[in-house]
Structures are given as structure tokens and as C-alpha cells.
């Protein structure tokens, strides 16, 4: 069995490696990407138009929508603003 070891403020924490992983079917990045794609399409915007509005590269937006990018909170806020909604509205249902 594999273990993960963390050292936090001088304390050693050991736990089974299986507990350190989130199941693939619970991938927040994929769910977030699907939500962004759905909302972008509701606005009738292409990926390119949406990326320009967000001041992000189109390939980066594509990666977000495919669940390949781990976004910063700052970029999530930019996306929420471009979709004309709050962060909580954007995250609803994830």
C-alpha cells in the first residue's frame, strides 16, 4: 500500500495514498468547463468572442471548457463577469 506523507509545521501526517485522490467522475474541472460552455452558448458567443471579452487566449478558454485547465480564482471571476453573473451563480450545481 502506498502512503502520502505531509509535514505541516513540524508535524508528520501519514495517510493512505488512495485518500489523497479525488475520483475521476467527481472532476470539478470538467463540470466547470461544461457549465462555462453551456452559459457561453446561451449568450450566443463563439469561443473566440468570449475569450476576447474575458481578455483570455482562445485556446485557454477551449482548455477550460474541456476540463483541461485548472483556473485561478481571478480567472473564474473574470469569466463570471463576462457571463454577467455572480461567482455563486456560475458555480451553482457544480
PDB file of N, CA and C in Angstrom:
ATOM      1  N   UNK A   1       0.843  -1.176   0.000  1.00  0.00           N
ATOM      2  CA  UNK A   1       0.000   0.000   0.000  1.00  0.00           C
ATOM      3  C   UNK A   1       0.889   1.240   0.000  1.00  0.00           C
ATOM      4  N   UNK A   2       0.497   2.238  -0.785  1.00  0.00           N
ATOM      5  CA  UNK A   2       1.225   3.492  -0.848  1.00  0.00           C
ATOM      6  C   UNK A   2       0.657   4.471   0.173  1.00  0.00           C
ATOM      7  N   UNK A   3       1.536   5.312   0.694  1.00  0.00           N
ATOM      8  CA  UNK A   3       1.131   6.316   1.671  1.00  0.00           C
ATOM      9  C   UNK A   3       1.588   7.687   1.195  1.00  0.00           C
ATOM     10  N   UNK A   4       0.852   8.696   1.582  1.00  0.00           N
ATOM     11  CA  UNK A   4       1.246  10.075   1.347  1.00  0.00           C
ATOM     12  C   UNK A   4       1.668  10.652   2.679  1.00  0.00           C
ATOM     13  N   UNK A   5       2.793  11.349   2.675  1.00  0.00           N
ATOM     14  CA  UNK A   5       3.326  11.939   3.895  1.00  0.00           C
ATOM     15  C   UNK A   5       3.347  13.450   3.733  1.00  0.00           C
ATOM     16  N   UNK A   6       2.762  14.139   4.697  1.00  0.00           N
ATOM     17  CA  UNK A   6       2.787  15.601   4.733  1.00  0.00           C
ATOM     18  C   UNK A   6       3.487  16.042   6.004  1.00  0.00           C
ATOM     19  N   UNK A   7       4.295  17.074   5.893  1.00  0.00           N
ATOM     20  CA  UNK A   7       4.903  17.663   7.075  1.00  0.00           C
ATOM     21  C   UNK A   7       4.387  19.087   7.157  1.00  0.00           C
ATOM     22  N   UNK A   8       3.598  19.351   8.198  1.00  0.00           N
ATOM     23  CA  UNK A   8       2.969  20.649   8.384  1.00  0.00           C
ATOM     24  C   UNK A   8       3.361  21.192   9.738  1.00  0.00           C
ATOM     25  N   UNK A   9       4.078  22.313   9.726  1.00  0.00           N
ATOM     26  CA  UNK A   9       4.517  22.970  10.961  1.00  0.00           C
ATOM     27  C   UNK A   9       5.175  21.991  11.928  1.00  0.00           C
ATOM     28  N   UNK A  10       6.031  21.138  11.390  1.00  0.00           N
ATOM     29  CA  UNK A  10       6.771  20.195  12.219  1.00  0.00           C
ATOM     30  C   UNK A  10       6.039  18.918  12.554  1.00  0.00           C
ATOM     31  N   UNK A  11       4.780  18.798  12.185  1.00  0.00           N
ATOM     32  CA  UNK A  11       4.008  17.587  12.431  1.00  0.00           C
ATOM     33  C   UNK A  11       4.018  16.719  11.180  1.00  0.00           C
ATOM     34  N   UNK A  12       4.183  15.426  11.362  1.00  0.00           N
ATOM     35  CA  UNK A  12       4.166  14.491  10.243  1.00  0.00           C
ATOM     36  C   UNK A  12       2.793  13.833  10.183  1.00  0.00           C
ATOM     37  N   UNK A  13       2.169  13.929   9.010  1.00  0.00           N
ATOM     38  CA  UNK A  13       0.849  13.343   8.804  1.00  0.00           C
ATOM     39  C   UNK A  13       0.992  12.289   7.704  1.00  0.00           C
ATOM     40  N   UNK A  14       0.578  11.059   8.007  1.00  0.00           N
ATOM     41  CA  UNK A  14       0.660   9.966   7.046  1.00  0.00           C
ATOM     42  C   UNK A  14      -0.752   9.445   6.803  1.00  0.00           C
ATOM     43  N   UNK A  15      -1.122   9.295   5.529  1.00  0.00           N
ATOM     44  CA  UNK A  15      -2.423   8.719   5.218  1.00  0.00           C
ATOM     45  C   UNK A  15      -2.318   7.891   3.947  1.00  0.00           C
ATOM     46  N   UNK A  16      -3.202   6.902   3.784  1.00  0.00           N
ATOM     47  CA  UNK A  16      -3.160   6.063   2.585  1.00  0.00           C
ATOM     48  C   UNK A  16      -3.272   6.908   1.322  1.00  0.00           C
ATOM     49  N   UNK A  17      -2.494   6.570   0.314  1.00  0.00           N
ATOM     50  CA  UNK A  17      -2.462   7.339  -0.923  1.00  0.00           C
ATOM     51  C   UNK A  17      -3.839   7.434  -1.572  1.00  0.00           C
ATOM     52  N   UNK A  18      -4.647   6.415  -1.450  1.00  0.00           N
ATOM     53  CA  UNK A  18      -5.974   6.423  -2.082  1.00  0.00           C
ATOM     54  C   UNK A  18      -6.849   7.560  -1.563  1.00  0.00           C
ATOM     55  N   UNK A  19      -6.606   8.026  -0.342  1.00  0.00           N
ATOM     56  CA  UNK A  19      -7.397   9.123   0.217  1.00  0.00           C
ATOM     57  C   UNK A  19      -6.965  10.476  -0.328  1.00  0.00           C
ATOM     58  N   UNK A  20      -5.810  10.522  -0.974  1.00  0.00           N
ATOM     59  CA  UNK A  20      -5.279  11.786  -1.478  1.00  0.00           C
ATOM     60  C   UNK A  20      -5.825  12.135  -2.855  1.00  0.00           C
ATOM     61  N   UNK A  21      -6.602  11.252  -3.452  1.00  0.00           N
ATOM     62  CA  UNK A  21      -7.074  11.477  -4.810  1.00  0.00           C
ATOM     63  C   UNK A  21      -8.591  11.663  -4.850  1.00  0.00           C
ATOM     64  N   UNK A  22      -9.027  12.537  -5.720  1.00  0.00           N
ATOM     65  CA  UNK A  22     -10.455  12.746  -5.943  1.00  0.00           C
ATOM     66  C   UNK A  22     -10.861  11.837  -7.087  1.00  0.00           C
ATOM     67  N   UNK A  23     -11.967  11.114  -6.966  1.00  0.00           N
ATOM     68  CA  UNK A  23     -12.395  10.233  -8.052  1.00  0.00           C
ATOM     69  C   UNK A  23     -12.581  10.987  -9.363  1.00  0.00           C
ATOM     70  N   UNK A  24     -12.259  10.356 -10.463  1.00  0.00           N
ATOM     71  CA  UNK A  24     -12.342  10.976 -11.783  1.00  0.00           C
ATOM     72  C   UNK A  24     -13.761  11.458 -12.101  1.00  0.00           C
ATOM     73  N   UNK A  25     -14.773  10.713 -11.692  1.00  0.00           N
ATOM     74  CA  UNK A  25     -16.142  11.107 -12.013  1.00  0.00           C
ATOM     75  C   UNK A  25     -16.585  12.346 -11.230  1.00  0.00           C
ATOM     76  N   UNK A  26     -15.802  12.759 -10.268  1.00  0.00           N
ATOM     77  CA  UNK A  26     -16.145  13.943  -9.480  1.00  0.00           C
ATOM     78  C   UNK A  26     -15.269  15.128  -9.894  1.00  0.00           C
ATOM     79  N   UNK A  27     -14.738  15.110 -11.118  1.00  0.00           N
ATOM     80  CA  UNK A  27     -13.792  16.134 -11.540  1.00  0.00           C
ATOM     81  C   UNK A  27     -14.458  17.501 -11.696  1.00  0.00           C
ATOM     82  N   UNK A  28     -14.114  18.395 -10.809  1.00  0.00           N
ATOM     83  CA  UNK A  28     -14.683  19.744 -10.801  1.00  0.00           C
ATOM     84  C   UNK A  28     -14.298  20.518 -12.051  1.00  0.00           C
ATOM     85  N   UNK A  29     -13.117  20.268 -12.603  1.00  0.00           N
ATOM     86  CA  UNK A  29     -12.684  20.998 -13.790  1.00  0.00           C
ATOM     87  C   UNK A  29     -13.568  20.684 -14.992  1.00  0.00           C
ATOM     88  N   UNK A  30     -13.939  19.426 -15.144  1.00  0.00           N
ATOM     89  CA  UNK A  30     -14.820  19.046 -16.253  1.00  0.00           C
ATOM     90  C   UNK A  30     -16.212  19.628 -16.073  1.00  0.00           C
ATOM     91  N   UNK A  31     -16.730  19.557 -14.867  1.00  0.00           N
ATOM     92  CA  UNK A  31     -18.068  20.100 -14.612  1.00  0.00           C
ATOM     93  C   UNK A  31     -18.085  21.616 -14.819  1.00  0.00           C
ATOM     94  N   UNK A  32     -17.024  22.289 -14.350  1.00  0.00           N
ATOM     95  CA  UNK A  32     -16.936  23.740 -14.525  1.00  0.00           C
ATOM     96  C   UNK A  32     -16.862  24.092 -16.010  1.00  0.00           C
ATOM     97  N   UNK A  33     -16.046  23.363 -16.749  1.00  0.00           N
ATOM     98  CA  UNK A  33     -15.910  23.613 -18.187  1.00  0.00           C
ATOM     99  C   UNK A  33     -17.209  23.439 -18.935  1.00  0.00           C
ATOM    100  N   UNK A  34     -17.944  22.387 -18.598  1.00  0.00           N
ATOM    101  CA  UNK A  34     -19.248  22.159 -19.233  1.00  0.00           C
ATOM    102  C   UNK A  34     -20.200  23.309 -18.930  1.00  0.00           C
ATOM    103  N   UNK A  35     -20.152  23.798 -17.690  1.00  0.00           N
ATOM    104  CA  UNK A  35     -21.031  24.910 -17.291  1.00  0.00           C
ATOM    105  C   UNK A  35     -20.678  26.179 -18.063  1.00  0.00           C
ATOM    106  N   UNK A  36     -19.389  26.478 -18.176  1.00  0.00           N
ATOM    107  CA  UNK A  36     -18.969  27.673 -18.911  1.00  0.00           C
ATOM    108  C   UNK A  36     -19.400  27.569 -20.378  1.00  0.00           C
ATOM    109  N   UNK A  37     -19.185  26.411 -20.999  1.00  0.00           N
ATOM    110  CA  UNK A  37     -19.573  26.222 -22.408  1.00  0.00           C
ATOM    111  C   UNK A  37     -21.082  26.440 -22.589  1.00  0.00           C
ATOM    112  N   UNK A  38     -21.862  25.837 -21.694  1.00  0.00           N
ATOM    113  CA  UNK A  38     -23.318  25.969 -21.775  1.00  0.00           C
ATOM    114  C   UNK A  38     -23.746  27.432 -21.670  1.00  0.00           C
ATOM    115  N   UNK A  39     -23.188  28.144 -20.696  1.00  0.00           N
ATOM    116  CA  UNK A  39     -23.569  29.544 -20.489  1.00  0.00           C
ATOM    117  C   UNK A  39     -23.083  30.435 -21.629  1.00  0.00           C
ATOM    118  N   UNK A  40     -21.891  30.168 -22.141  1.00  0.00           N
ATOM    119  CA  UNK A  40     -21.362  30.940 -23.279  1.00  0.00           C
ATOM    120  C   UNK A  40     -22.274  30.771 -24.496  1.00  0.00           C
ATOM    121  N   UNK A  41     -22.686  29.542 -24.745  1.00  0.00           N
ATOM    122  CA  UNK A  41     -23.553  29.277 -25.897  1.00  0.00           C
ATOM    123  C   UNK A  41     -24.921  29.931 -25.733  1.00  0.00           C
ATOM    124  N   UNK A  42     -25.419  29.984 -24.500  1.00  0.00           N
ATOM    125  CA  UNK A  42     -26.699  30.667 -24.248  1.00  0.00           C
ATOM    126  C   UNK A  42     -26.627  32.132 -24.639  1.00  0.00           C
ATOM    127  N   UNK A  43     -25.425  32.725 -24.464  1.00  0.00           N
ATOM    128  CA  UNK A  43     -25.228  34.124 -24.839  1.00  0.00           C
ATOM    129  C   UNK A  43     -25.009  34.275 -26.344  1.00  0.00           C
ATOM    130  N   UNK A  44     -24.883  33.149 -27.047  1.00  0.00           N
ATOM    131  CA  UNK A  44     -24.689  33.192 -28.488  1.00  0.00           C
ATOM    132  C   UNK A  44     -23.293  33.614 -28.905  1.00  0.00           C
ATOM    133  N   UNK A  45     -22.316  33.403 -28.027  1.00  0.00           N
ATOM    134  CA  UNK A  45     -20.944  33.809 -28.321  1.00  0.00           C
ATOM    135  C   UNK A  45     -20.091  32.623 -28.756  1.00  0.00           C
ATOM    136  N   UNK A  46     -19.202  32.877 -29.701  1.00  0.00           N
ATOM    137  CA  UNK A  46     -18.211  31.870 -30.076  1.00  0.00           C
ATOM    138  C   UNK A  46     -17.139  31.844 -28.991  1.00  0.00           C
ATOM    139  N   UNK A  47     -16.330  30.804 -29.011  1.00  0.00           N
ATOM    140  CA  UNK A  47     -15.210  30.750 -28.058  1.00  0.00           C
ATOM    141  C   UNK A  47     -14.305  31.953 -28.248  1.00  0.00           C
ATOM    142  N   UNK A  48     -14.064  32.319 -29.477  1.00  0.00           N
ATOM    143  CA  UNK A  48     -13.178  33.447 -29.772  1.00  0.00           C
ATOM    144  C   UNK A  48     -13.742  34.764 -29.226  1.00  0.00           C
ATOM    145  N   UNK A  49     -15.041  34.995 -29.449  1.00  0.00           N
ATOM    146  CA  UNK A  49     -15.675  36.212 -28.942  1.00  0.00           C
ATOM    147  C   UNK A  49     -15.629  36.251 -27.418  1.00  0.00           C
ATOM    148  N   UNK A  50     -15.936  35.105 -26.814  1.00  0.00           N
ATOM    149  CA  UNK A  50     -15.950  35.027 -25.357  1.00  0.00           C
ATOM    150  C   UNK A  50     -14.546  35.246 -24.782  1.00  0.00           C
ATOM    151  N   UNK A  51     -13.556  34.621 -25.405  1.00  0.00           N
ATOM    152  CA  UNK A  51     -12.176  34.773 -24.952  1.00  0.00           C
ATOM    153  C   UNK A  51     -11.740  36.233 -25.024  1.00  0.00           C
ATOM    154  N   UNK A  52     -12.122  36.899 -26.107  1.00  0.00           N
ATOM    155  CA  UNK A  52     -11.772  38.315 -26.261  1.00  0.00           C
ATOM    156  C   UNK A  52     -12.419  39.155 -25.163  1.00  0.00           C
ATOM    157  N   UNK A  53     -13.677  38.869 -24.868  1.00  0.00           N
ATOM    158  CA  UNK A  53     -14.379  39.606 -23.813  1.00  0.00           C
ATOM    159  C   UNK A  53     -13.708  39.392 -22.457  1.00  0.00           C
ATOM    160  N   UNK A  54     -13.223  38.172 -22.223  1.00  0.00           N
ATOM    161  CA  UNK A  54     -12.559  37.838 -20.958  1.00  0.00           C
ATOM    162  C   UNK A  54     -11.097  38.279 -20.923  1.00  0.00           C
ATOM    163  N   UNK A  55     -10.584  38.707 -22.086  1.00  0.00           N
ATOM    164  CA  UNK A  55      -9.163  39.028 -22.239  1.00  0.00           C
ATOM    165  C   UNK A  55      -8.291  37.817 -21.921  1.00  0.00           C
ATOM    166  N   UNK A  56      -8.748  36.641 -22.411  1.00  0.00           N
ATOM    167  CA  UNK A  56      -8.010  35.390 -22.279  1.00  0.00           C
ATOM    168  C   UNK A  56      -7.778  34.835 -23.680  1.00  0.00           C
ATOM    169  N   UNK A  57      -6.753  34.016 -23.823  1.00  0.00           N
ATOM    170  CA  UNK A  57      -6.478  33.389 -25.109  1.00  0.00           C
ATOM    171  C   UNK A  57      -7.565  32.372 -25.458  1.00  0.00           C
ATOM    172  N   UNK A  58      -7.948  32.292 -26.735  1.00  0.00           N
ATOM    173  CA  UNK A  58      -8.999  31.369 -27.157  1.00  0.00           C
ATOM    174  C   UNK A  58      -8.653  29.920 -26.828  1.00  0.00           C
ATOM    175  N   UNK A  59      -7.384  29.540 -26.986  1.00  0.00           N
ATOM    176  CA  UNK A  59      -7.004  28.158 -26.687  1.00  0.00           C
ATOM    177  C   UNK A  59      -7.107  27.872 -25.195  1.00  0.00           C
ATOM    178  N   UNK A  60      -6.892  28.893 -24.368  1.00  0.00           N
ATOM    179  CA  UNK A  60      -7.042  28.735 -22.919  1.00  0.00           C
ATOM    180  C   UNK A  60      -8.511  28.496 -22.578  1.00  0.00           C
ATOM    181  N   UNK A  61      -9.404  29.267 -23.202  1.00  0.00           N
ATOM    182  CA  UNK A  61     -10.846  29.093 -22.976  1.00  0.00           C
ATOM    183  C   UNK A  61     -11.273  27.705 -23.437  1.00  0.00           C
ATOM    184  N   UNK A  62     -10.752  27.259 -24.565  1.00  0.00           N
ATOM    185  CA  UNK A  62     -11.052  25.905 -25.040  1.00  0.00           C
ATOM    186  C   UNK A  62     -10.612  24.857 -24.033  1.00  0.00           C
ATOM    187  N   UNK A  63      -9.437  25.045 -23.446  1.00  0.00           N
ATOM    188  CA  UNK A  63      -8.937  24.131 -22.416  1.00  0.00           C
ATOM    189  C   UNK A  63      -9.806  24.135 -21.176  1.00  0.00           C
ATOM    190  N   UNK A  64     -10.321  25.298 -20.825  1.00  0.00           N
ATOM    191  CA  UNK A  64     -11.237  25.400 -19.677  1.00  0.00           C
ATOM    192  C   UNK A  64     -12.491  24.580 -19.965  1.00  0.00           C
ATOM    193  N   UNK A  65     -13.061  24.790 -21.143  1.00  0.00           N
ATOM    194  CA  UNK A  65     -14.310  24.112 -21.488  1.00  0.00           C
ATOM    195  C   UNK A  65     -14.141  22.595 -21.596  1.00  0.00           C
ATOM    196  N   UNK A  66     -12.948  22.131 -21.909  1.00  0.00           N
ATOM    197  CA  UNK A  66     -12.687  20.689 -21.973  1.00  0.00           C
ATOM    198  C   UNK A  66     -12.256  20.116 -20.628  1.00  0.00           C
ATOM    199  N   UNK A  67     -12.149  20.958 -19.602  1.00  0.00           N
ATOM    200  CA  UNK A  67     -11.747  20.496 -18.276  1.00  0.00           C
ATOM    201  C   UNK A  67     -10.262  20.207 -18.167  1.00  0.00           C
ATOM    202  N   UNK A  68      -9.468  20.817 -19.035  1.00  0.00           N
ATOM    203  CA  UNK A  68      -8.023  20.586 -19.052  1.00  0.00           C
ATOM    204  C   UNK A  68      -7.235  21.633 -18.275  1.00  0.00           C
ATOM    205  N   UNK A  69      -7.864  22.727 -17.912  1.00  0.00           N
ATOM    206  CA  UNK A  69      -7.168  23.828 -17.236  1.00  0.00           C
ATOM    207  C   UNK A  69      -7.641  23.979 -15.803  1.00  0.00           C
ATOM    208  N   UNK A  70      -6.697  24.171 -14.917  1.00  0.00           N
ATOM    209  CA  UNK A  70      -7.006  24.444 -13.521  1.00  0.00           C
ATOM    210  C   UNK A  70      -6.904  25.954 -13.337  1.00  0.00           C
ATOM    211  N   UNK A  71      -8.038  26.607 -13.295  1.00  0.00           N
ATOM    212  CA  UNK A  71      -8.096  28.067 -13.299  1.00  0.00           C
ATOM    213  C   UNK A  71      -7.754  28.679 -11.955  1.00  0.00           C
ATOM    214  N   UNK A  72      -7.281  29.902 -12.013  1.00  0.00           N
ATOM    215  CA  UNK A  72      -7.124  30.683 -10.786  1.00  0.00           C
ATOM    216  C   UNK A  72      -8.479  31.299 -10.440  1.00  0.00           C
ATOM    217  N   UNK A  73      -8.636  31.653  -9.204  1.00  0.00           N
ATOM    218  CA  UNK A  73      -9.876  32.301  -8.772  1.00  0.00           C
ATOM    219  C   UNK A  73     -10.077  33.607  -9.526  1.00  0.00           C
ATOM    220  N   UNK A  74      -9.003  34.298  -9.843  1.00  0.00           N
ATOM    221  CA  UNK A  74      -9.086  35.553 -10.597  1.00  0.00           C
ATOM    222  C   UNK A  74      -9.720  35.308 -11.972  1.00  0.00           C
ATOM    223  N   UNK A  75      -9.298  34.261 -12.666  1.00  0.00           N
ATOM    224  CA  UNK A  75      -9.868  33.974 -13.983  1.00  0.00           C
ATOM    225  C   UNK A  75     -11.310  33.496 -13.881  1.00  0.00           C
ATOM    226  N   UNK A  76     -11.642  32.799 -12.809  1.00  0.00           N
ATOM    227  CA  UNK A  76     -13.040  32.395 -12.601  1.00  0.00           C
ATOM    228  C   UNK A  76     -13.908  33.649 -12.430  1.00  0.00           C
ATOM    229  N   UNK A  77     -13.413  34.638 -11.702  1.00  0.00           N
ATOM    230  CA  UNK A  77     -14.150  35.889 -11.507  1.00  0.00           C
ATOM    231  C   UNK A  77     -14.303  36.638 -12.828  1.00  0.00           C
ATOM    232  N   UNK A  78     -13.273  36.632 -13.668  1.00  0.00           N
ATOM    233  CA  UNK A  78     -13.341  37.272 -14.986  1.00  0.00           C
ATOM    234  C   UNK A  78     -14.419  36.602 -15.839  1.00  0.00           C
ATOM    235  N   UNK A  79     -14.451  35.284 -15.803  1.00  0.00           N
ATOM    236  CA  UNK A  79     -15.453  34.536 -16.577  1.00  0.00           C
ATOM    237  C   UNK A  79     -16.856  34.832 -16.072  1.00  0.00           C
ATOM    238  N   UNK A  80     -17.042  34.852 -14.755  1.00  0.00           N
ATOM    239  CA  UNK A  80     -18.358  35.177 -14.190  1.00  0.00           C
ATOM    240  C   UNK A  80     -18.803  36.568 -14.636  1.00  0.00           C
ATOM    241  N   UNK A  81     -17.886  37.515 -14.614  1.00  0.00           N
ATOM    242  CA  UNK A  81     -18.211  38.880 -15.039  1.00  0.00           C
ATOM    243  C   UNK A  81     -18.616  38.906 -16.514  1.00  0.00           C
ATOM    244  N   UNK A  82     -17.875  38.187 -17.357  1.00  0.00           N
ATOM    245  CA  UNK A  82     -18.194  38.148 -18.787  1.00  0.00           C
ATOM    246  C   UNK A  82     -19.549  37.489 -19.044  1.00  0.00           C
ATOM    247  N   UNK A  83     -19.930  36.558 -18.173  1.00  0.00           N
ATOM    248  CA  UNK A  83     -21.236  35.899 -18.299  1.00  0.00           C
ATOM    249  C   UNK A  83     -22.344  36.687 -17.607  1.00  0.00           C
ATOM    250  N   UNK A  84     -21.961  37.843 -17.028  1.00  0.00           N
ATOM    251  CA  UNK A  84     -22.894  38.736 -16.345  1.00  0.00           C
ATOM    252  C   UNK A  84     -23.612  38.047 -15.197  1.00  0.00           C
ATOM    253  N   UNK A  85     -22.812  37.365 -14.359  1.00  0.00           N
ATOM    254  CA  UNK A  85     -23.383  36.695 -13.190  1.00  0.00           C
ATOM    255  C   UNK A  85     -22.379  36.711 -12.048  1.00  0.00           C
ATOM    256  N   UNK A  86     -22.876  36.410 -10.873  1.00  0.00           N
ATOM    257  CA  UNK A  86     -22.007  36.343  -9.695  1.00  0.00           C
ATOM    258  C   UNK A  86     -21.235  35.031  -9.696  1.00  0.00           C
ATOM    259  N   UNK A  87     -20.216  34.964  -8.874  1.00  0.00           N
ATOM    260  CA  UNK A  87     -19.458  33.718  -8.727  1.00  0.00           C
ATOM    261  C   UNK A  87     -20.362  32.592  -8.252  1.00  0.00           C
ATOM    262  N   UNK A  88     -21.244  32.900  -7.317  1.00  0.00           N
ATOM    263  CA  UNK A  88     -22.130  31.839  -6.788  1.00  0.00           C
ATOM    264  C   UNK A  88     -23.090  31.332  -7.867  1.00  0.00           C
ATOM    265  N   UNK A  89     -23.576  32.227  -8.728  1.00  0.00           N
ATOM    266  CA  UNK A  89     -24.445  31.783  -9.821  1.00  0.00           C
ATOM    267  C   UNK A  89     -23.681  30.895 -10.792  1.00  0.00           C
ATOM    268  N   UNK A  90     -22.443  31.266 -11.095  1.00  0.00           N
ATOM    269  CA  UNK A  90     -21.621  30.475 -12.001  1.00  0.00           C
ATOM    270  C   UNK A  90     -21.356  29.078 -11.447  1.00  0.00           C
ATOM    271  N   UNK A  91     -21.120  28.996 -10.159  1.00  0.00           N
ATOM    272  CA  UNK A  91     -20.777  27.722  -9.525  1.00  0.00           C
ATOM    273  C   UNK A  91     -22.001  26.861  -9.181  1.00  0.00           C
ATOM    274  N   UNK A  92     -23.173  27.425  -9.347  1.00  0.00           N
ATOM    275  CA  UNK A  92     -24.393  26.710  -8.975  1.00  0.00           C
ATOM    276  C   UNK A  92     -24.488  25.361  -9.687  1.00  0.00           C
ATOM    277  N   UNK A  93     -24.722  24.312  -8.921  1.00  0.00           N
ATOM    278  CA  UNK A  93     -24.892  22.985  -9.469  1.00  0.00           C
ATOM    279  C   UNK A  93     -23.619  22.178  -9.675  1.00  0.00           C
ATOM    280  N   UNK A  94     -22.480  22.781  -9.377  1.00  0.00           N
ATOM    281  CA  UNK A  94     -21.228  22.045  -9.540  1.00  0.00           C
ATOM    282  C   UNK A  94     -21.026  21.156  -8.350  1.00  0.00           C
TER     283      UNK A  94
END
